[in-house]
Protein backbone atom coordinates (compact mmCIF):
# COMPACT_ATOMS: atom_id res chain seq x y z
CA MET A 1 146.54 112.75 90.71
CA LEU A 2 147.20 109.46 92.42
CA HIS A 3 145.14 110.55 95.40
CA GLY A 4 142.31 111.59 93.13
CA THR A 5 142.39 108.25 91.34
CA GLU A 6 142.30 106.37 94.62
CA HIS A 7 139.34 108.47 95.74
CA ALA A 8 137.48 107.70 92.51
CA ASP A 9 138.17 104.00 92.91
CA VAL A 10 136.84 104.04 96.48
CA ALA A 11 133.73 105.95 95.41
CA THR A 12 133.12 103.47 92.59
CA THR A 13 133.52 100.54 94.96
CA GLU A 14 131.10 102.07 97.46
CA ALA A 15 128.57 102.70 94.72
CA ASP A 16 128.89 99.11 93.50
CA LEU A 17 128.37 97.83 97.04
CA THR A 18 125.32 100.05 97.53
CA ALA A 19 123.82 98.85 94.24
CA ALA A 20 124.50 95.22 95.20
CA GLU A 21 122.89 95.70 98.61
CA LEU A 22 119.81 97.24 96.97
CA GLU A 23 119.52 94.40 94.47
CA THR A 24 119.73 91.83 97.27
CA ALA A 25 117.23 93.71 99.44
CA LEU A 26 114.68 94.03 96.63
CA ARG A 27 114.98 90.33 95.94
CA SER A 28 114.75 88.98 99.49
CA GLY A 29 113.52 91.87 101.66
CA PRO A 30 112.33 92.62 104.20
CA PHE A 31 110.48 95.78 103.19
CA HIS A 32 112.24 98.20 105.55
CA VAL A 33 115.71 97.00 104.50
CA ALA A 34 114.84 97.41 100.82
CA LEU A 35 113.41 100.88 101.41
CA ARG A 36 116.48 101.97 103.37
CA ALA A 37 118.81 100.59 100.67
CA ALA A 38 116.84 102.33 97.90
CA ILE A 39 116.94 105.70 99.65
CA ALA A 40 120.67 105.29 100.29
CA ALA A 41 121.32 104.29 96.68
CA ARG A 42 119.64 107.49 95.43
CA GLY A 43 121.40 109.63 98.05
CA LEU A 44 118.20 111.41 99.03
CA PRO A 45 117.66 112.82 102.52
CA LEU A 46 114.22 112.06 103.96
CA GLN A 47 113.16 115.69 103.61
CA ARG A 48 113.70 115.42 99.83
CA VAL A 49 111.81 112.14 99.70
CA GLN A 50 108.92 113.83 101.52
CA HIS A 51 109.03 116.72 99.04
CA HIS A 52 108.89 114.35 96.07
CA LEU A 53 105.93 112.52 97.62
CA SER A 54 104.05 115.80 98.02
CA ARG A 55 104.41 116.34 94.26
CA TYR A 56 102.53 113.04 93.82
CA GLY A 57 99.76 114.36 96.05
CA VAL A 58 100.76 112.08 98.94
CA LYS A 59 101.37 113.47 102.43
CA VAL A 60 103.77 111.48 104.63
CA GLY A 61 105.81 112.87 107.51
CA VAL A 62 109.58 112.57 107.76
CA THR A 63 109.12 110.73 111.07
CA SER A 64 106.92 108.12 109.38
CA LEU A 65 109.45 107.64 106.58
CA SER A 66 112.16 107.17 109.21
CA TYR A 67 110.08 104.59 111.07
CA TRP A 68 109.35 102.74 107.82
CA GLN A 69 113.01 102.36 106.88
CA GLN A 70 113.91 101.34 110.45
CA GLY A 71 111.20 98.67 110.55
CA ALA A 72 109.57 100.31 113.58
CA ARG A 73 106.31 100.72 111.65
CA ARG A 74 104.79 99.39 108.43
CA PRO A 75 102.71 101.36 105.94
CA GLN A 76 99.11 100.24 106.41
CA ARG A 77 96.62 103.04 105.76
CA PRO A 78 95.44 103.61 102.16
CA GLU A 79 97.35 106.90 102.02
CA SER A 80 100.51 105.12 103.19
CA LEU A 81 100.11 102.39 100.58
CA ARG A 82 99.76 105.03 97.87
CA ALA A 83 103.00 106.51 99.18
CA VAL A 84 104.79 103.18 98.76
CA ARG A 85 103.62 103.00 95.15
CA ALA A 86 104.89 106.55 94.56
CA LEU A 87 108.22 105.72 96.23
CA GLU A 88 108.84 103.05 93.60
CA GLU A 89 108.80 105.76 90.94
CA ILE A 90 110.66 108.37 92.97
CA LEU A 91 113.47 105.92 93.84
CA ARG A 92 113.48 104.47 90.30
CA LEU A 93 112.65 100.95 91.41
CA PRO A 94 110.96 98.19 89.39
CA ASP A 95 107.16 98.36 89.42
CA GLU A 96 105.59 96.57 92.41
CA SER A 97 108.98 95.78 93.99
CA LEU A 98 108.23 97.45 97.33
CA ILE A 99 104.54 96.53 97.23
CA ARG A 100 105.44 92.85 96.88
CA LEU A 101 107.79 92.97 99.86
CA LEU A 102 105.24 94.82 101.96
CA ALA A 103 102.69 92.11 101.17
CA GLU A 104 104.90 89.42 102.67
CA THR A 105 103.29 89.37 106.11
CA GLU A 106 103.92 86.79 108.77
CA GLU A 107 101.76 83.70 108.65
CA ARG A 108 100.78 81.52 111.58
CA PRO A 109 103.42 78.99 112.67
CA GLY A 110 103.12 75.82 110.64
CA GLN A 111 100.76 77.35 108.10
CA GLU A 112 101.64 76.87 104.46
CA ARG A 113 102.22 80.09 102.58
CA HIS A 114 100.39 80.48 99.30
CA ALA A 115 102.21 82.58 96.76
CA GLY A 116 100.37 85.48 95.21
CA ARG A 117 97.47 85.86 97.61
CA SER A 118 98.90 88.63 99.78
CA TYR A 119 100.24 90.51 96.77
CA ARG A 120 96.93 90.30 94.96
CA SER A 121 95.16 91.78 97.95
CA LEU A 122 97.23 94.93 97.34
CA VAL A 123 95.83 95.44 93.85
CA GLU A 124 93.96 98.55 94.95
CA ALA A 125 97.14 100.02 96.41
CA SER A 126 99.09 99.36 93.22
CA GLY A 127 96.61 101.44 91.25
CA VAL A 128 95.27 98.68 89.00
CA LEU A 129 91.77 98.70 90.46
CA GLU A 130 91.66 102.49 90.43
CA GLN A 131 92.66 102.46 86.77
CA LEU A 132 89.92 99.97 85.82
CA LEU A 133 87.29 101.91 87.75
CA ASN A 134 88.37 105.12 86.05
CA GLU A 135 87.81 103.48 82.68
CA LEU A 136 84.20 102.86 83.75
CA GLU A 137 83.93 106.35 85.26
CA ALA A 138 83.15 104.72 88.59
CA SER A 139 84.41 104.77 92.18
CA LEU A 140 84.72 102.15 94.91
CA ASP A 141 81.83 103.74 96.81
CA GLY A 142 79.49 104.24 93.86
CA GLY A 143 76.92 106.17 95.91
CA LEU A 144 75.67 103.03 97.67
CA HIS A 145 75.86 101.78 101.24
CA THR A 146 75.58 98.03 101.78
CA ILE A 147 72.85 96.90 104.16
CA ALA A 148 73.50 93.21 103.61
CA HIS A 149 75.77 91.17 101.34
CA HIS A 150 75.43 87.39 101.09
CA GLU A 151 78.09 85.65 99.06
CA ARG A 152 78.32 82.01 97.95
CA VAL A 153 81.60 80.65 96.56
CA ARG A 154 81.88 77.31 94.74
CA ILE A 155 85.11 75.30 94.69
CA GLY A 156 85.30 72.75 91.87
CA ALA A 157 86.44 69.15 91.61
CA HIS A 158 89.98 70.27 90.76
CA ARG A 159 90.11 72.53 93.85
CA GLU A 160 89.67 75.63 91.68
CA LEU A 161 87.54 78.70 92.40
CA LEU A 162 84.72 77.75 90.08
CA ALA A 163 82.23 80.58 90.66
CA ARG A 164 80.78 83.00 93.17
CA GLU A 165 77.28 84.39 93.55
CA SER A 166 76.50 87.66 95.33
CA HIS A 167 73.18 88.91 96.70
CA HIS A 168 73.26 92.60 97.66
CA ILE A 169 70.85 94.80 99.58
CA VAL A 170 71.97 98.42 99.25
CA ARG A 171 70.80 101.95 100.09
CA ALA A 172 71.63 105.01 97.99
CA HIS A 173 73.26 107.93 99.77
CA LYS A 174 73.00 110.27 96.79
CA ASP A 175 70.52 110.86 93.98
CA GLY A 176 70.78 109.33 90.52
CA VAL A 177 72.54 106.02 91.27
CA ASP A 178 71.65 103.50 88.57
CA ARG A 179 74.40 100.88 88.66
CA TYR A 180 76.83 98.88 90.78
CA VAL A 181 80.38 97.97 89.75
CA ALA A 182 81.30 94.44 90.83
CA VAL A 183 84.95 93.59 91.49
CA HIS A 184 86.28 90.03 91.24
CA HIS A 185 89.83 89.00 92.20
CA GLY A 186 90.79 85.67 90.67
CA ASP A 187 93.35 83.28 92.11
CA PRO A 188 97.01 83.35 90.97
CA GLY A 189 97.34 82.32 87.33
CA CYS A 190 93.72 83.07 86.44
CA SER A 191 92.57 84.48 83.10
CA PRO A 192 90.01 87.25 83.72
CA GLU A 193 89.33 87.59 80.00
CA ARG A 194 87.81 84.07 80.09
CA MET A 195 85.51 84.81 83.04
CA THR A 196 81.81 85.61 82.54
CA VAL A 197 79.40 87.71 84.60
CA HIS A 198 75.69 86.85 84.76
CA ALA A 199 73.00 89.23 86.01
CA LEU A 200 70.54 87.06 87.93
CA GLU A 201 68.01 89.42 89.48
CA ASN A 202 67.01 93.11 89.18
CA CYS A 203 70.02 94.08 87.05
CA ARG A 204 71.69 93.54 83.69
CA THR A 205 75.36 93.39 82.73
CA GLY A 206 77.07 96.39 81.19
CA ARG A 207 80.73 97.09 80.39
CA MET A 208 83.55 94.91 81.69
CA ARG A 209 87.25 95.56 82.14
CA TRP A 210 90.08 93.35 83.38
CA HIS A 211 93.79 93.30 84.15
CA ARG A 212 95.39 89.96 83.36
CA ASP A 213 98.59 90.20 85.42
CA THR A 214 96.73 90.82 88.67
CA GLY A 215 93.63 88.75 87.88
CA VAL A 216 91.14 91.56 88.45
CA LEU A 217 87.79 91.82 86.69
CA VAL A 218 85.34 94.70 87.09
CA ALA A 219 81.83 94.65 85.64
CA GLU A 220 78.90 97.05 85.56
CA LEU A 221 75.55 95.82 86.82
CA LEU A 222 72.90 98.21 85.53
CA PHE A 223 69.61 98.91 87.33
CA ASP A 224 66.38 99.75 85.50
CA ILE A 225 65.72 102.77 87.72
CA ARG A 226 67.61 105.73 89.16
CA LEU A 227 67.71 105.63 92.93
CA ARG A 228 67.09 108.65 95.11
CA THR A 229 68.86 109.29 98.39
CA GLY A 230 67.55 106.79 100.94
CA ASP A 231 66.12 104.34 98.37
CA THR A 232 66.95 100.66 98.84
CA PHE A 233 67.61 98.13 96.10
CA LEU A 234 68.15 94.37 95.84
CA PHE A 235 70.12 92.63 93.11
CA ARG A 236 71.97 89.40 92.47
CA TYR A 237 74.73 88.33 90.07
CA ARG A 238 77.20 85.50 89.47
CA VAL A 239 80.81 85.41 88.26
CA GLU A 240 81.91 82.23 86.48
CA ASP A 241 85.67 81.78 86.99
CA GLY A 242 87.33 78.35 86.97
CA THR A 243 90.41 79.66 85.15
CA ALA A 244 93.11 79.19 87.81
CA GLY A 245 94.68 76.37 89.78
CA THR A 246 94.24 75.26 93.38
CA SER A 247 92.37 77.73 95.57
CA HIS A 248 93.23 78.08 99.26
CA GLU A 249 91.04 80.93 100.47
CA TYR A 250 88.46 83.55 99.64
CA ALA A 251 88.56 87.06 101.10
CA ARG A 252 86.44 90.19 100.82
CA GLY A 253 87.68 93.74 101.43
CA PHE A 254 85.48 96.40 103.05
CA GLY A 255 86.27 100.08 102.69
CA TYR A 256 83.61 101.15 105.19
CA SER A 257 82.11 99.81 108.40
CA GLY A 258 78.48 98.74 108.66
CA GLY A 259 76.17 96.22 107.08
CA GLN A 260 75.84 92.45 107.42
CA TYR A 261 78.09 90.07 105.51
CA ALA A 262 77.67 86.32 105.12
CA LEU A 263 80.13 84.13 103.23
CA GLN A 264 79.48 80.50 102.36
CA VAL A 265 82.07 78.32 100.61
CA CYS A 266 80.76 75.12 98.98
CA PHE A 267 83.07 72.29 97.95
CA ASP A 268 82.73 69.57 95.32
CA GLU A 269 82.28 66.11 96.82
CA ARG A 270 85.50 65.03 95.06
CA ALA A 271 87.54 67.82 96.65
CA MET A 272 86.92 68.27 100.36
CA PRO A 273 89.40 70.21 102.54
CA THR A 274 90.71 68.91 105.85
CA ARG A 275 90.22 72.11 107.88
CA CYS A 276 88.69 75.56 107.47
CA HIS A 277 89.29 78.81 109.35
CA ARG A 278 88.27 82.45 109.24
CA PHE A 279 90.74 85.33 109.28
CA THR A 280 90.80 89.11 109.33
CA GLN A 281 93.25 91.83 108.35
CA HIS A 282 93.06 95.47 109.36
CA THR A 283 94.62 96.42 106.02
CA ALA A 284 96.07 94.50 103.09
CA ALA A 285 99.61 95.11 104.37
CA ALA A 286 98.88 94.21 108.02
CA PRO A 287 99.48 90.79 109.60
CA ARG A 288 96.49 88.47 109.70
CA THR A 289 94.64 88.16 112.98
CA GLY A 290 91.37 86.75 114.25
CA HIS A 291 92.16 83.18 113.20
CA HIS A 292 89.34 80.89 114.26
CA GLU A 293 88.60 77.35 113.09
CA LEU A 294 85.22 76.92 111.42
CA PRO A 295 83.09 73.76 111.43
CA LEU A 296 82.90 72.11 108.01
CA SER A 297 79.62 70.36 107.16
CA ARG A 298 80.57 67.09 105.49
CA LEU A 299 76.94 66.37 104.59
CA HIS A 300 76.35 69.69 102.84
CA ARG A 301 80.04 70.14 101.88
CA SER A 302 80.10 73.76 103.01
CA VAL A 303 81.51 76.18 105.56
CA HIS A 304 80.34 79.69 106.37
CA LEU A 305 80.80 82.81 108.46
CA VAL A 306 78.40 85.61 109.36
CA GLU A 307 79.48 89.09 110.41
CA PRO A 308 76.47 91.09 111.71
CA ARG A 309 78.25 94.42 111.23
CA VAL A 310 81.46 94.49 109.22
CA ARG A 311 84.41 96.72 109.99
CA SER A 312 86.70 98.26 107.40
CA GLY A 313 89.41 95.80 106.42
CA ILE A 314 89.53 92.27 105.06
CA LEU A 315 87.52 89.21 106.13
CA GLY A 316 87.76 85.73 104.68
CA ILE A 317 87.79 81.96 104.93
CA GLY A 318 90.85 79.80 104.30
CA TRP A 319 91.10 76.01 104.02
CA ASP A 320 93.76 73.32 103.99
CA TRP A 321 94.04 70.46 101.53
CA GLU A 322 95.56 67.05 102.24
């Protein structure tokens, strides 16, 4: 009996240590350490983890899972990011705990880190955007290919993201398309329920949905005709924001390659940044690359980038304040 009691005490101690390690890893990361601790805490072999993932409709190999928990690779592809979201449920972890750690990518040396931006860029992976689109019976593709997208962002006197205006030229790749669903990601602390969407040309506003915690707003822009395959269409709209604090960057995600993209950021004369730069990311969870300083026009108080043919991934402009 004494031996059995000692064994129980040891098992309890080991369990307490494992739980403590998991709590610490979820709080401070990095991602692979937290994942390894979570799998160990549940006592699941990787083959069982893979089996559970398949029940969620996600296919991930045992080798990939092993690499993830060793830190040899990071989940980056959309399918992999969906797997991370499913792992949170399978391993009984708090919502977004692994997604948040995965979003903590390395920044350039000496660059200030802005809380919330990387996490918010993983909204699609967390399922929020998919949920909102489902409510509108829409998809990210929407039956349209972008030929050109020109975007103008306004930063206000209090350094806030005041508004953005988008001018789209699209081509339908299926019959019957009669709308476009615009997606707006506000800055940390924003209130999407206070934002407004204005149809400016060749469209009118329809239904809107939002998710306050992640700052996402989606809005229908309705056309007055149904496009046939191959038809082109031009439309323009504006999102009035101004509901958050200091803005440090603006980024746009592209699910498909092709089409021209131009981004212009205009600053209030009372709030001019010191430096501006462009950046790219292969996926939301990948490190940022392609840093390049951009010239800032003091006379016109604006900075811009032009990408003749976009690639799938994320492209944006960041700026530094004094």
